[in-house]
Amino acid sequence: MYFMATKILIVDDHDDFRKAVRKHLESQGLDAEVFEADCGEIGVAMANRQVPDIVLMDIRLPGIDGLDAAAQIKSHFPQSKIIFLTMFETESFRKTFSSEAASDYIGKSDLYDKLVPAIKRVLGKK
């Protein structure tokens, strides 16, 4: 039986951060195909082309913010899981901005400890 790699879309306006996330994912041995977008509009367009399994979405983006971009992606691809990456304290953010699109919120400072376990959790893998 053939299994396709997990498609992961990283949407963040900071090039260095996107590259660091990509490098981290690659170093963890995930069977993933990783795509990048630097703003919400391009993230939505990329999602329309690639149909990602996971979207790692920054909240504060130029143009369409991450919450609106995530809602647009989820409206077309409800099976896509959105993990918000934020500089905000995640618990207070989760209470203030509950989003139906969100599968999880991860603080950017917790990225290396929490990202891969969160990806596995939302995909239902151990």
Protein backbone atom coordinates (compact mmCIF):
# COMPACT_ATOMS: atom_id res chain seq x y z
CA MET A 1 0.00 0.00 0.00
CA TYR A 2 1.34 3.44 -0.94
CA PHE A 3 1.13 6.31 1.54
CA MET A 4 1.52 9.91 0.43
CA ALA A 5 3.66 12.32 2.41
CA THR A 6 1.85 14.74 4.70
CA LYS A 7 1.54 18.15 3.04
CA ILE A 8 2.45 21.01 5.38
CA LEU A 9 1.99 24.68 4.47
CA ILE A 10 3.87 27.27 6.54
CA VAL A 11 2.34 30.77 6.36
CA ASP A 12 4.48 33.44 8.04
CA ASP A 13 5.74 36.81 6.86
CA HIS A 14 9.26 36.28 8.27
CA ASP A 15 11.46 34.38 5.84
CA ASP A 16 13.97 33.31 8.52
CA PHE A 17 11.21 31.91 10.71
CA ARG A 18 9.67 29.91 7.84
CA LYS A 19 13.08 28.48 7.00
CA ALA A 20 13.72 27.59 10.66
CA VAL A 21 10.36 25.78 10.86
CA ARG A 22 11.09 23.92 7.62
CA LYS A 23 14.54 22.91 8.85
CA HIS A 24 13.10 21.74 12.18
CA LEU A 25 10.43 19.63 10.45
CA GLU A 26 13.04 18.09 8.14
CA SER A 27 15.33 17.29 11.10
CA GLN A 28 12.51 15.40 12.83
CA GLY A 29 12.24 12.81 10.09
CA LEU A 30 8.62 13.57 9.27
CA ASP A 31 7.42 12.20 5.96
CA ALA A 32 6.27 15.62 4.82
CA GLU A 33 6.20 17.80 1.75
CA VAL A 34 6.60 21.40 2.97
CA PHE A 35 5.38 24.53 1.19
CA GLU A 36 5.77 28.17 2.22
CA ALA A 37 3.80 31.40 1.87
CA ASP A 38 4.71 34.86 3.16
CA CYS A 39 1.22 36.33 3.54
CA GLY A 40 -2.39 35.29 4.01
CA GLU A 41 -3.39 35.80 0.38
CA ILE A 42 -0.57 33.62 -0.92
CA GLY A 43 -1.29 31.08 1.81
CA VAL A 44 -4.89 30.75 0.64
CA ALA A 45 -3.78 30.49 -3.01
CA MET A 46 -1.13 27.89 -2.12
CA ALA A 47 -3.71 25.89 -0.13
CA ASN A 48 -5.99 25.92 -3.17
CA ARG A 49 -3.19 24.39 -5.26
CA GLN A 50 -1.64 21.97 -2.76
CA VAL A 51 -4.57 21.02 -0.42
CA PRO A 52 -2.41 20.78 2.72
CA ASP A 53 -3.02 18.31 5.52
CA ILE A 54 -1.58 20.82 8.03
CA VAL A 55 -1.30 24.60 7.85
CA LEU A 56 1.11 26.28 10.27
CA MET A 57 -0.37 29.78 10.33
CA ASP A 58 1.00 32.96 11.85
CA ILE A 59 -1.77 35.17 13.17
CA ARG A 60 -0.36 38.60 12.39
CA LEU A 61 0.20 38.82 8.66
CA PRO A 62 0.20 41.68 6.17
CA GLY A 63 -3.03 41.91 4.18
CA ILE A 64 -5.39 39.11 5.20
CA ASP A 65 -4.51 38.12 8.77
CA GLY A 66 -4.00 34.50 9.78
CA LEU A 67 -7.45 34.09 11.31
CA ASP A 68 -9.19 35.17 8.09
CA ALA A 69 -6.82 33.15 5.89
CA ALA A 70 -7.40 30.06 8.04
CA ALA A 71 -11.18 30.50 7.83
CA GLN A 72 -10.96 30.72 4.02
CA ILE A 73 -8.80 27.59 3.83
CA LYS A 74 -11.12 25.66 6.16
CA SER A 75 -14.18 26.70 4.15
CA HIS A 76 -12.69 25.00 1.06
CA PHE A 77 -10.75 22.21 2.78
CA PRO A 78 -12.40 21.31 6.08
CA GLN A 79 -10.08 18.31 6.41
CA SER A 80 -7.00 20.59 6.62
CA LYS A 81 -5.78 21.06 10.18
CA ILE A 82 -4.72 24.58 11.20
CA ILE A 83 -2.10 25.08 13.88
CA PHE A 84 -1.67 28.73 14.76
CA LEU A 85 1.84 29.85 15.59
CA THR A 86 1.82 32.98 17.70
CA MET A 87 4.00 35.29 19.75
CA PHE A 88 0.98 35.80 22.02
CA GLU A 89 0.55 33.82 25.22
CA THR A 90 -1.43 30.88 23.86
CA GLU A 91 -3.96 30.27 26.66
CA SER A 92 -5.16 33.86 26.81
CA PHE A 93 -5.18 34.01 23.02
CA ARG A 94 -7.19 30.78 22.83
CA LYS A 95 -9.82 32.23 25.20
CA THR A 96 -9.96 35.60 23.45
CA PHE A 97 -9.89 34.45 19.84
CA SER A 98 -11.46 31.02 19.76
CA SER A 99 -11.50 30.01 16.13
CA GLU A 100 -13.41 27.12 14.65
CA ALA A 101 -10.54 26.78 12.20
CA ALA A 102 -7.97 26.10 14.91
CA SER A 103 -6.76 22.59 15.67
CA ASP A 104 -4.14 24.00 18.06
CA TYR A 105 -2.21 27.10 19.09
CA ILE A 106 1.53 27.00 19.73
CA GLY A 107 3.66 29.83 21.02
CA LYS A 108 6.60 30.49 18.73
CA SER A 109 8.91 30.21 21.74
CA ASP A 110 7.59 26.63 22.29
CA LEU A 111 7.99 25.62 18.66
CA TYR A 112 10.83 23.12 19.06
CA ASP A 113 9.18 21.31 21.98
CA LYS A 114 5.54 21.34 20.90
CA LEU A 115 5.25 21.51 17.11
CA VAL A 116 5.93 17.91 16.07
CA PRO A 117 3.81 16.42 18.89
CA ALA A 118 0.97 18.80 17.88
CA ILE A 119 1.25 17.77 14.23
CA LYS A 120 1.13 14.09 15.17
CA ARG A 121 -1.80 14.70 17.51
CA VAL A 122 -3.97 16.54 14.97
CA LEU A 123 -3.19 13.92 12.34
CA GLY A 124 -4.13 11.15 14.78
CA LYS A 125 -0.64 9.63 14.75
CA LYS A 126 1.43 8.60 17.75
